[in-house]
Amino acid sequence: MEPDEIRAEIERRKKRARDLKIREVLWSLYHSHLCHYETFIQKDPELLCAEVSESIKTSGKSVEFSLRQSIYRIVYTEGSKVRRESLGRGELFGESIVPAILDLSVDDQRVFKFEIRRSTRYLEDGLAWNDDMGEITWFIEGPWVQELPELLKRIRAHEKSVLDRRSAPKLEAMKKRFGL
């Protein structure tokens, strides 16, 4: 392949990863569910989806679990925090920015890696958080591209069913109070 063809193919693959929203799926899976495993197991083990809870292992900022005869490993790495203050609309506000990287391996082969820019703005009214999905720096397509979004859906469905079941008595009482 010629260098221009290689660059074009890399851009095509990055676009495919963006279109599939792999960054968002992987970040949500890690940040919203798996990295809090130890907290869930201590405080609310019922919220854990049995599909991954039986095999999950955490160590610092990495999570490993089994799914369909494959071992998945997600590693989160933060860079140095940058703090800055600026004047905007007549008020002083601050912002801290933390560059980070999320790295996915399947069966000890790196298959996906991307950058994240996590920012916290300190405003007069309170805090505002934002996680910007950044550059995709590694992407090798495989069955994991379909398996992880499906897993995320199952985890969310499990959590929703647990929370719905728990809130059923309150919902019944509210129905009665509002004549429904």
N, C-alpha and C. Protein backbone atom coordinates (compact mmCIF):
# COMPACT_ATOMS: atom_id res chain seq x y z
N MET A 1 0.84 -1.19 0.00
CA MET A 1 0.00 0.00 0.00
C MET A 1 0.88 1.25 0.00
N GLU A 2 0.43 2.22 -0.69
CA GLU A 2 1.10 3.52 -0.73
C GLU A 2 0.78 4.30 0.55
N PRO A 3 1.65 5.23 0.96
CA PRO A 3 1.40 6.02 2.17
C PRO A 3 0.04 6.72 2.17
N ASP A 4 -0.38 7.27 1.04
CA ASP A 4 -1.68 7.95 0.98
C ASP A 4 -2.82 6.95 1.17
N GLU A 5 -2.67 5.75 0.66
CA GLU A 5 -3.69 4.72 0.82
C GLU A 5 -3.77 4.28 2.28
N ILE A 6 -2.60 4.17 2.92
CA ILE A 6 -2.56 3.79 4.33
C ILE A 6 -3.26 4.85 5.18
N ARG A 7 -2.92 6.12 4.95
CA ARG A 7 -3.57 7.21 5.70
C ARG A 7 -5.08 7.21 5.49
N ALA A 8 -5.50 7.01 4.25
CA ALA A 8 -6.94 6.99 3.93
C ALA A 8 -7.63 5.83 4.65
N GLU A 9 -6.98 4.67 4.68
CA GLU A 9 -7.57 3.52 5.36
C GLU A 9 -7.65 3.74 6.87
N ILE A 10 -6.61 4.34 7.44
CA ILE A 10 -6.64 4.66 8.88
C ILE A 10 -7.78 5.62 9.18
N GLU A 11 -7.96 6.65 8.37
CA GLU A 11 -9.05 7.60 8.58
C GLU A 11 -10.41 6.92 8.43
N ARG A 12 -10.53 6.00 7.47
CA ARG A 12 -11.78 5.26 7.28
C ARG A 12 -12.08 4.44 8.53
N ARG A 13 -11.06 3.80 9.09
CA ARG A 13 -11.27 2.98 10.30
C ARG A 13 -11.60 3.84 11.52
N LYS A 14 -10.96 4.99 11.64
CA LYS A 14 -11.30 5.91 12.74
C LYS A 14 -12.75 6.37 12.62
N LYS A 15 -13.16 6.66 11.40
CA LYS A 15 -14.55 7.09 11.16
C LYS A 15 -15.52 5.97 11.53
N ARG A 16 -15.17 4.75 11.17
CA ARG A 16 -16.03 3.61 11.52
C ARG A 16 -16.16 3.50 13.03
N ALA A 17 -15.05 3.62 13.74
CA ALA A 17 -15.09 3.55 15.21
C ALA A 17 -15.95 4.68 15.78
N ARG A 18 -15.81 5.89 15.22
CA ARG A 18 -16.65 7.02 15.68
C ARG A 18 -18.12 6.75 15.39
N ASP A 19 -18.42 6.26 14.17
CA ASP A 19 -19.81 5.98 13.80
C ASP A 19 -20.44 4.91 14.69
N LEU A 20 -19.64 3.94 15.10
CA LEU A 20 -20.14 2.88 15.99
C LEU A 20 -20.23 3.35 17.45
N LYS A 21 -19.70 4.55 17.71
CA LYS A 21 -19.70 5.14 19.06
C LYS A 21 -18.98 4.25 20.07
N ILE A 22 -17.89 3.65 19.62
CA ILE A 22 -17.13 2.75 20.49
C ILE A 22 -16.53 3.50 21.67
N ARG A 23 -16.05 4.73 21.44
CA ARG A 23 -15.49 5.49 22.56
C ARG A 23 -16.53 5.68 23.66
N GLU A 24 -17.73 6.08 23.26
CA GLU A 24 -18.79 6.34 24.24
C GLU A 24 -19.21 5.07 24.97
N VAL A 25 -19.33 3.96 24.22
CA VAL A 25 -19.70 2.68 24.84
C VAL A 25 -18.65 2.25 25.84
N LEU A 26 -17.40 2.29 25.43
CA LEU A 26 -16.32 1.85 26.30
C LEU A 26 -16.19 2.74 27.53
N TRP A 27 -16.32 4.06 27.35
CA TRP A 27 -16.23 4.98 28.48
C TRP A 27 -17.39 4.75 29.44
N SER A 28 -18.59 4.59 28.93
CA SER A 28 -19.74 4.35 29.79
C SER A 28 -19.60 3.02 30.53
N LEU A 29 -19.17 2.00 29.83
CA LEU A 29 -18.99 0.70 30.45
C LEU A 29 -17.98 0.79 31.58
N TYR A 30 -16.86 1.44 31.32
CA TYR A 30 -15.82 1.56 32.35
C TYR A 30 -16.23 2.53 33.45
N HIS A 31 -16.51 3.77 33.09
CA HIS A 31 -16.69 4.85 34.06
C HIS A 31 -18.00 4.72 34.85
N SER A 32 -19.07 4.31 34.21
CA SER A 32 -20.37 4.27 34.89
C SER A 32 -20.66 2.94 35.56
N HIS A 33 -19.96 1.89 35.18
CA HIS A 33 -20.33 0.58 35.69
C HIS A 33 -19.15 -0.20 36.29
N LEU A 34 -18.15 -0.51 35.51
CA LEU A 34 -17.14 -1.47 35.94
C LEU A 34 -16.12 -0.92 36.93
N CYS A 35 -15.70 0.34 36.79
CA CYS A 35 -14.67 0.83 37.70
C CYS A 35 -15.20 1.00 39.12
N HIS A 36 -16.51 0.98 39.30
CA HIS A 36 -17.12 1.10 40.63
C HIS A 36 -17.49 -0.26 41.21
N TYR A 37 -16.98 -1.31 40.63
CA TYR A 37 -17.32 -2.67 41.04
C TYR A 37 -17.14 -2.89 42.55
N GLU A 38 -16.00 -2.47 43.07
CA GLU A 38 -15.73 -2.70 44.49
C GLU A 38 -16.74 -1.98 45.38
N THR A 39 -17.15 -0.79 44.97
CA THR A 39 -18.16 -0.05 45.72
C THR A 39 -19.50 -0.78 45.66
N PHE A 40 -19.89 -1.25 44.46
CA PHE A 40 -21.15 -1.97 44.31
C PHE A 40 -21.16 -3.25 45.14
N ILE A 41 -20.08 -3.99 45.10
CA ILE A 41 -20.04 -5.27 45.80
C ILE A 41 -20.18 -5.08 47.31
N GLN A 42 -19.68 -3.95 47.81
CA GLN A 42 -19.78 -3.68 49.24
C GLN A 42 -21.13 -3.07 49.60
N LYS A 43 -21.59 -2.11 48.79
CA LYS A 43 -22.80 -1.36 49.15
C LYS A 43 -24.07 -1.94 48.55
N ASP A 44 -24.02 -2.45 47.32
CA ASP A 44 -25.24 -2.88 46.67
C ASP A 44 -24.95 -3.97 45.63
N PRO A 45 -24.60 -5.17 46.07
CA PRO A 45 -24.22 -6.23 45.12
C PRO A 45 -25.33 -6.64 44.17
N GLU A 46 -26.58 -6.39 44.54
CA GLU A 46 -27.70 -6.76 43.67
C GLU A 46 -27.67 -6.00 42.35
N LEU A 47 -27.07 -4.81 42.34
CA LEU A 47 -26.99 -4.02 41.11
C LEU A 47 -26.01 -4.59 40.09
N LEU A 48 -25.12 -5.48 40.53
CA LEU A 48 -24.13 -6.04 39.62
C LEU A 48 -24.77 -7.08 38.70
N CYS A 49 -24.47 -6.97 37.45
CA CYS A 49 -24.94 -7.93 36.45
C CYS A 49 -24.11 -9.20 36.60
N ALA A 50 -24.76 -10.33 36.85
CA ALA A 50 -24.06 -11.58 37.11
C ALA A 50 -23.16 -11.99 35.95
N GLU A 51 -23.50 -11.58 34.76
CA GLU A 51 -22.73 -11.95 33.57
C GLU A 51 -21.25 -11.56 33.69
N VAL A 52 -20.97 -10.42 34.30
CA VAL A 52 -19.57 -10.02 34.46
C VAL A 52 -19.12 -10.05 35.91
N SER A 53 -20.06 -9.97 36.85
CA SER A 53 -19.66 -9.86 38.26
C SER A 53 -18.91 -11.09 38.75
N GLU A 54 -19.16 -12.24 38.14
CA GLU A 54 -18.49 -13.47 38.58
C GLU A 54 -17.03 -13.51 38.17
N SER A 55 -16.66 -12.75 37.13
CA SER A 55 -15.28 -12.83 36.64
C SER A 55 -14.49 -11.54 36.78
N ILE A 56 -15.13 -10.49 37.27
CA ILE A 56 -14.48 -9.18 37.27
C ILE A 56 -13.36 -9.09 38.30
N LYS A 57 -12.29 -8.43 37.89
CA LYS A 57 -11.16 -8.16 38.78
C LYS A 57 -10.74 -6.72 38.55
N THR A 58 -10.55 -5.99 39.63
CA THR A 58 -10.10 -4.61 39.51
C THR A 58 -8.74 -4.47 40.17
N SER A 59 -7.95 -3.58 39.62
CA SER A 59 -6.64 -3.30 40.18
C SER A 59 -6.30 -1.86 39.82
N GLY A 60 -6.37 -0.97 40.80
CA GLY A 60 -6.11 0.43 40.52
C GLY A 60 -7.12 0.97 39.51
N LYS A 61 -6.62 1.39 38.38
CA LYS A 61 -7.48 1.97 37.34
C LYS A 61 -7.69 0.99 36.18
N SER A 62 -7.56 -0.32 36.45
CA SER A 62 -7.82 -1.29 35.40
C SER A 62 -8.89 -2.27 35.84
N VAL A 63 -9.64 -2.76 34.86
CA VAL A 63 -10.71 -3.71 35.10
C VAL A 63 -10.56 -4.85 34.11
N GLU A 64 -10.71 -6.06 34.60
CA GLU A 64 -10.63 -7.23 33.74
C GLU A 64 -11.85 -8.10 33.99
N PHE A 65 -12.42 -8.65 32.91
CA PHE A 65 -13.58 -9.52 33.05
C PHE A 65 -13.63 -10.47 31.86
N SER A 66 -14.38 -11.56 32.03
CA SER A 66 -14.56 -12.55 30.98
C SER A 66 -15.92 -12.36 30.33
N LEU A 67 -15.95 -12.59 29.03
CA LEU A 67 -17.19 -12.51 28.27
C LEU A 67 -17.04 -13.39 27.05
N ARG A 68 -17.90 -14.41 26.95
CA ARG A 68 -17.88 -15.33 25.80
C ARG A 68 -16.49 -15.87 25.49
N GLN A 69 -15.88 -16.49 26.42
CA GLN A 69 -14.56 -17.13 26.30
C GLN A 69 -13.42 -16.16 25.99
N SER A 70 -13.63 -14.88 26.15
CA SER A 70 -12.56 -13.90 25.95
C SER A 70 -12.34 -13.14 27.24
N ILE A 71 -11.10 -12.69 27.43
CA ILE A 71 -10.75 -11.88 28.59
C ILE A 71 -10.61 -10.44 28.10
N TYR A 72 -11.40 -9.55 28.68
CA TYR A 72 -11.38 -8.13 28.35
C TYR A 72 -10.64 -7.40 29.44
N ARG A 73 -9.80 -6.46 29.05
CA ARG A 73 -9.09 -5.64 30.03
C ARG A 73 -9.17 -4.19 29.59
N ILE A 74 -9.67 -3.35 30.48
CA ILE A 74 -9.78 -1.91 30.23
C ILE A 74 -8.85 -1.22 31.22
N VAL A 75 -7.98 -0.37 30.69
CA VAL A 75 -7.03 0.36 31.54
C VAL A 75 -7.24 1.86 31.32
N TYR A 76 -7.42 2.56 32.42
CA TYR A 76 -7.61 4.01 32.41
C TYR A 76 -6.36 4.67 32.97
N THR A 77 -5.79 5.60 32.22
CA THR A 77 -4.58 6.29 32.65
C THR A 77 -4.79 7.79 32.56
N GLU A 78 -4.51 8.49 33.66
CA GLU A 78 -4.65 9.96 33.67
C GLU A 78 -3.29 10.61 33.53
N GLY A 79 -3.29 11.75 32.83
CA GLY A 79 -2.10 12.59 32.73
C GLY A 79 -2.12 13.62 33.85
N SER A 80 -1.26 14.60 33.75
CA SER A 80 -1.17 15.65 34.77
C SER A 80 -2.32 16.64 34.65
N LYS A 81 -2.88 16.98 35.81
CA LYS A 81 -3.99 17.94 35.86
C LYS A 81 -3.47 19.35 35.59
N VAL A 82 -4.23 20.08 34.79
CA VAL A 82 -3.91 21.48 34.50
C VAL A 82 -5.04 22.33 35.08
N ARG A 83 -4.69 23.33 35.88
CA ARG A 83 -5.69 24.25 36.45
C ARG A 83 -5.46 25.63 35.87
N ARG A 84 -6.57 26.28 35.55
CA ARG A 84 -6.44 27.66 35.09
C ARG A 84 -7.68 28.44 35.51
N GLU A 85 -7.46 29.72 35.67
CA GLU A 85 -8.55 30.63 36.02
C GLU A 85 -8.67 31.66 34.93
N SER A 86 -9.90 32.08 34.69
CA SER A 86 -10.12 33.12 33.67
C SER A 86 -11.35 33.93 34.03
N LEU A 87 -11.46 35.05 33.39
CA LEU A 87 -12.57 35.95 33.60
C LEU A 87 -13.55 35.76 32.45
N GLY A 88 -14.81 35.52 32.77
CA GLY A 88 -15.82 35.34 31.75
C GLY A 88 -17.12 35.96 32.19
N ARG A 89 -17.71 36.77 31.37
CA ARG A 89 -18.98 37.46 31.67
C ARG A 89 -18.94 38.19 33.01
N GLY A 90 -17.81 38.79 33.28
CA GLY A 90 -17.68 39.60 34.47
C GLY A 90 -17.43 38.82 35.75
N GLU A 91 -17.26 37.51 35.65
CA GLU A 91 -17.01 36.72 36.85
C GLU A 91 -15.77 35.85 36.64
N LEU A 92 -15.10 35.58 37.73
CA LEU A 92 -13.92 34.74 37.69
C LEU A 92 -14.34 33.29 37.84
N PHE A 93 -13.85 32.43 36.97
CA PHE A 93 -14.12 31.02 37.16
C PHE A 93 -12.85 30.23 36.91
N GLY A 94 -12.84 29.03 37.44
CA GLY A 94 -11.67 28.17 37.29
C GLY A 94 -12.04 26.91 36.53
N GLU A 95 -11.02 26.27 36.04
CA GLU A 95 -11.23 25.04 35.30
C GLU A 95 -10.02 24.13 35.54
N SER A 96 -10.30 22.87 35.74
CA SER A 96 -9.21 21.90 35.79
C SER A 96 -9.44 20.91 34.66
N ILE A 97 -8.37 20.58 33.97
CA ILE A 97 -8.43 19.67 32.83
C ILE A 97 -7.47 18.51 33.10
N VAL A 98 -7.99 17.31 32.89
CA VAL A 98 -7.17 16.11 33.07
C VAL A 98 -7.20 15.33 31.76
N PRO A 99 -6.06 15.25 31.08
CA PRO A 99 -6.02 14.39 29.90
C PRO A 99 -5.94 12.93 30.35
N ALA A 100 -6.62 12.05 29.63
CA ALA A 100 -6.62 10.63 30.02
C ALA A 100 -6.64 9.76 28.77
N ILE A 101 -6.36 8.50 28.99
CA ILE A 101 -6.38 7.51 27.91
C ILE A 101 -7.14 6.29 28.41
N LEU A 102 -7.99 5.74 27.56
CA LEU A 102 -8.68 4.49 27.86
C LEU A 102 -8.22 3.47 26.83
N ASP A 103 -7.79 2.33 27.32
CA ASP A 103 -7.13 1.32 26.50
C ASP A 103 -7.85 -0.01 26.70
N LEU A 104 -8.26 -0.66 25.60
CA LEU A 104 -8.95 -1.95 25.67
C LEU A 104 -8.12 -3.04 25.03
N SER A 105 -7.97 -4.13 25.76
CA SER A 105 -7.32 -5.33 25.22
C SER A 105 -8.30 -6.49 25.32
N VAL A 106 -8.27 -7.36 24.31
CA VAL A 106 -9.07 -8.58 24.32
C VAL A 106 -8.10 -9.74 24.15
N ASP A 107 -8.10 -10.64 25.11
CA ASP A 107 -7.17 -11.77 25.10
C ASP A 107 -5.73 -11.31 24.91
N ASP A 108 -5.35 -10.31 25.68
CA ASP A 108 -3.98 -9.76 25.69
C ASP A 108 -3.56 -9.10 24.38
N GLN A 109 -4.50 -8.77 23.51
CA GLN A 109 -4.17 -8.03 22.30
C GLN A 109 -4.89 -6.68 22.37
N ARG A 110 -4.11 -5.61 22.29
CA ARG A 110 -4.71 -4.28 22.29
C ARG A 110 -5.56 -4.14 21.03
N VAL A 111 -6.83 -3.70 21.23
CA VAL A 111 -7.73 -3.56 20.09
C VAL A 111 -8.29 -2.14 19.95
N PHE A 112 -8.23 -1.36 21.03
CA PHE A 112 -8.80 -0.01 20.94
C PHE A 112 -8.16 0.87 21.99
N LYS A 113 -7.89 2.11 21.60
CA LYS A 113 -7.32 3.07 22.53
C LYS A 113 -7.73 4.46 22.06
N PHE A 114 -8.10 5.29 23.02
CA PHE A 114 -8.47 6.67 22.66
C PHE A 114 -8.18 7.62 23.81
N GLU A 115 -8.15 8.89 23.47
CA GLU A 115 -7.87 9.95 24.44
C GLU A 115 -9.18 10.55 24.94
N ILE A 116 -9.13 11.03 26.16
CA ILE A 116 -10.27 11.70 26.80
C ILE A 116 -9.75 12.99 27.41
N ARG A 117 -10.56 14.01 27.35
CA ARG A 117 -10.23 15.27 28.01
C ARG A 117 -11.31 15.52 29.04
N ARG A 118 -10.98 15.29 30.31
CA ARG A 118 -11.95 15.45 31.40
C ARG A 118 -11.77 16.83 32.00
N SER A 119 -12.84 17.59 32.02
CA SER A 119 -12.72 18.94 32.57
C SER A 119 -13.79 19.19 33.63
N THR A 120 -13.40 19.98 34.59
CA THR A 120 -14.31 20.43 35.64
C THR A 120 -14.22 21.94 35.68
N ARG A 121 -15.36 22.60 35.53
CA ARG A 121 -15.39 24.06 35.59
C ARG A 121 -16.01 24.46 36.92
N TYR A 122 -15.34 25.40 37.57
CA TYR A 122 -15.79 25.91 38.86
C TYR A 122 -16.47 27.25 38.60
N LEU A 123 -17.79 27.22 38.58
CA LEU A 123 -18.58 28.41 38.27
C LEU A 123 -19.22 28.96 39.54
N GLU A 124 -19.76 30.14 39.42
CA GLU A 124 -20.43 30.76 40.56
C GLU A 124 -21.60 29.90 41.04
N ASP A 125 -22.29 29.25 40.11
CA ASP A 125 -23.46 28.43 40.44
C ASP A 125 -23.11 27.00 40.86
N GLY A 126 -21.87 26.63 40.74
CA GLY A 126 -21.47 25.26 41.09
C GLY A 126 -20.50 24.69 40.08
N LEU A 127 -20.41 23.38 40.07
CA LEU A 127 -19.47 22.69 39.20
C LEU A 127 -20.15 22.22 37.92
N ALA A 128 -19.38 22.17 36.84
CA ALA A 128 -19.85 21.61 35.57
C ALA A 128 -18.77 20.66 35.07
N TRP A 129 -19.16 19.42 34.79
CA TRP A 129 -18.20 18.42 34.33
C TRP A 129 -18.42 18.12 32.86
N ASN A 130 -17.34 17.76 32.19
CA ASN A 130 -17.44 17.37 30.79
C ASN A 130 -16.33 16.38 30.46
N ASP A 131 -16.69 15.31 29.79
CA ASP A 131 -15.71 14.33 29.32
C ASP A 131 -15.76 14.35 27.80
N ASP A 132 -14.76 14.95 27.18
CA ASP A 132 -14.69 15.02 25.73
C ASP A 132 -13.99 13.79 25.19
N MET A 133 -14.65 13.09 24.28
CA MET A 133 -14.04 11.94 23.63
C MET A 133 -13.04 12.46 22.60
N GLY A 134 -11.81 12.04 22.72
CA GLY A 134 -10.74 12.57 21.88
C GLY A 134 -10.32 11.63 20.77
N GLU A 135 -9.08 11.78 20.39
CA GLU A 135 -8.50 11.07 19.25
C GLU A 135 -8.47 9.56 19.47
N ILE A 136 -8.85 8.83 18.44
CA ILE A 136 -8.73 7.37 18.44
C ILE A 136 -7.32 7.06 17.97
N THR A 137 -6.56 6.34 18.78
CA THR A 137 -5.16 6.09 18.45
C THR A 137 -4.88 4.61 18.17
N TRP A 138 -5.90 3.77 18.31
CA TRP A 138 -5.72 2.34 18.05
C TRP A 138 -7.09 1.75 17.77
N PHE A 139 -7.22 0.95 16.72
CA PHE A 139 -8.51 0.30 16.44
C PHE A 139 -8.29 -0.91 15.55
N ILE A 140 -8.51 -2.08 16.13
CA ILE A 140 -8.50 -3.33 15.38
C ILE A 140 -9.87 -3.95 15.59
N GLU A 141 -10.65 -3.99 14.53
CA GLU A 141 -12.02 -4.46 14.63
C GLU A 141 -12.07 -5.96 14.88
N GLY A 142 -13.10 -6.38 15.59
CA GLY A 142 -13.30 -7.79 15.88
C GLY A 142 -14.69 -7.98 16.48
N PRO A 143 -15.00 -9.18 16.95
CA PRO A 143 -16.32 -9.45 17.54
C PRO A 143 -16.64 -8.55 18.73
N TRP A 144 -15.62 -8.06 19.40
CA TRP A 144 -15.81 -7.19 20.56
C TRP A 144 -16.60 -5.93 20.21
N VAL A 145 -16.55 -5.50 18.95
CA VAL A 145 -17.26 -4.29 18.51
C VAL A 145 -18.77 -4.46 18.71
N GLN A 146 -19.28 -5.67 18.56
CA GLN A 146 -20.71 -5.93 18.81
C GLN A 146 -20.95 -6.38 20.25
N GLU A 147 -19.99 -7.10 20.82
CA GLU A 147 -20.20 -7.68 22.15
C GLU A 147 -20.27 -6.62 23.26
N LEU A 148 -19.42 -5.60 23.20
CA LEU A 148 -19.42 -4.60 24.28
C LEU A 148 -20.68 -3.75 24.31
N PRO A 149 -21.19 -3.25 23.16
CA PRO A 149 -22.47 -2.52 23.24
C PRO A 149 -23.62 -3.39 23.74
N GLU A 150 -23.62 -4.67 23.35
CA GLU A 150 -24.67 -5.59 23.84
C GLU A 150 -24.54 -5.79 25.35
N LEU A 151 -23.31 -5.94 25.82
CA LEU A 151 -23.08 -6.09 27.26
C LEU A 151 -23.56 -4.84 28.00
N LEU A 152 -23.22 -3.67 27.49
CA LEU A 152 -23.65 -2.43 28.14
C LEU A 152 -25.17 -2.37 28.23
N LYS A 153 -25.87 -2.77 27.17
CA LYS A 153 -27.34 -2.79 27.19
C LYS A 153 -27.86 -3.75 28.26
N ARG A 154 -27.24 -4.92 28.36
CA ARG A 154 -27.69 -5.90 29.36
C ARG A 154 -27.42 -5.40 30.78
N ILE A 155 -26.29 -4.76 30.99
CA ILE A 155 -25.98 -4.21 32.32
C ILE A 155 -26.99 -3.14 32.68
N ARG A 156 -27.26 -2.24 31.74
CA ARG A 156 -28.25 -1.17 32.01
C ARG A 156 -29.64 -1.75 32.27
N ALA A 157 -30.03 -2.76 31.48
CA ALA A 157 -31.34 -3.39 31.67
C ALA A 157 -31.43 -4.05 33.04
N HIS A 158 -30.36 -4.71 33.46
CA HIS A 158 -30.34 -5.35 34.78
C HIS A 158 -30.48 -4.30 35.88
N GLU A 159 -29.69 -3.23 35.80
CA GLU A 159 -29.77 -2.18 36.81
C GLU A 159 -31.16 -1.55 36.83
N LYS A 160 -31.73 -1.31 35.67
CA LYS A 160 -33.08 -0.71 35.59
C LYS A 160 -34.11 -1.64 36.23
N SER A 161 -34.02 -2.94 35.95
CA SER A 161 -34.99 -3.87 36.53
C SER A 161 -34.89 -3.90 38.05
N VAL A 162 -33.68 -3.87 38.58
CA VAL A 162 -33.50 -3.84 40.04
C VAL A 162 -34.09 -2.56 40.62
N LEU A 163 -33.77 -1.42 40.01
CA LEU A 163 -34.27 -0.14 40.51
C LEU A 163 -35.78 -0.03 40.36
N ASP A 164 -36.33 -0.53 39.24
CA ASP A 164 -37.79 -0.51 39.05
C ASP A 164 -38.49 -1.35 40.11
N ARG A 165 -37.94 -2.53 40.38
CA ARG A 165 -38.53 -3.40 41.39
C ARG A 165 -38.51 -2.73 42.76
N ARG A 166 -37.40 -2.05 43.07
CA ARG A 166 -37.28 -1.38 44.36
C ARG A 166 -38.22 -0.19 44.48
N SER A 167 -38.46 0.48 43.36
CA SER A 167 -39.31 1.68 43.42
C SER A 167 -40.79 1.37 43.21
N ALA A 168 -41.14 0.12 42.97
CA ALA A 168 -42.54 -0.25 42.72
C ALA A 168 -43.48 0.16 43.86
N PRO A 169 -43.13 -0.08 45.12
CA PRO A 169 -44.05 0.34 46.19
C PRO A 169 -44.27 1.86 46.22
N LYS A 170 -43.22 2.64 45.99
CA LYS A 170 -43.36 4.10 45.95
C LYS A 170 -44.23 4.52 44.78
N LEU A 171 -44.04 3.86 43.65
CA LEU A 171 -44.83 4.18 42.46
C LEU A 171 -46.30 3.88 42.69
N GLU A 172 -46.59 2.77 43.33
CA GLU A 172 -47.99 2.43 43.64
C GLU A 172 -48.62 3.48 44.54
N ALA A 173 -47.87 3.93 45.54
CA ALA A 173 -48.38 4.96 46.44
C ALA A 173 -48.62 6.26 45.67
N MET A 174 -47.72 6.62 44.78
CA MET A 174 -47.89 7.84 43.99
C MET A 174 -49.09 7.72 43.06
N LYS A 175 -49.30 6.55 42.48
CA LYS A 175 -50.46 6.33 41.60
C LYS A 175 -51.76 6.60 42.39
N LYS A 176 -51.80 6.11 43.61
CA LYS A 176 -52.98 6.27 44.44
C LYS A 176 -53.20 7.74 44.77
N ARG A 177 -52.09 8.45 45.11
CA ARG A 177 -52.21 9.85 45.49
C ARG A 177 -52.65 10.73 44.32
N PHE A 178 -52.35 10.31 43.10
CA PHE A 178 -52.70 11.12 41.93
C PHE A 178 -53.89 10.54 41.15
N GLY A 179 -54.56 9.53 41.73
CA GLY A 179 -55.76 8.99 41.15
C GLY A 179 -55.52 8.26 39.82
N LEU A 180 -54.43 7.61 39.70
CA LEU A 180 -54.15 6.86 38.47
C LEU A 180 -54.45 5.39 38.63
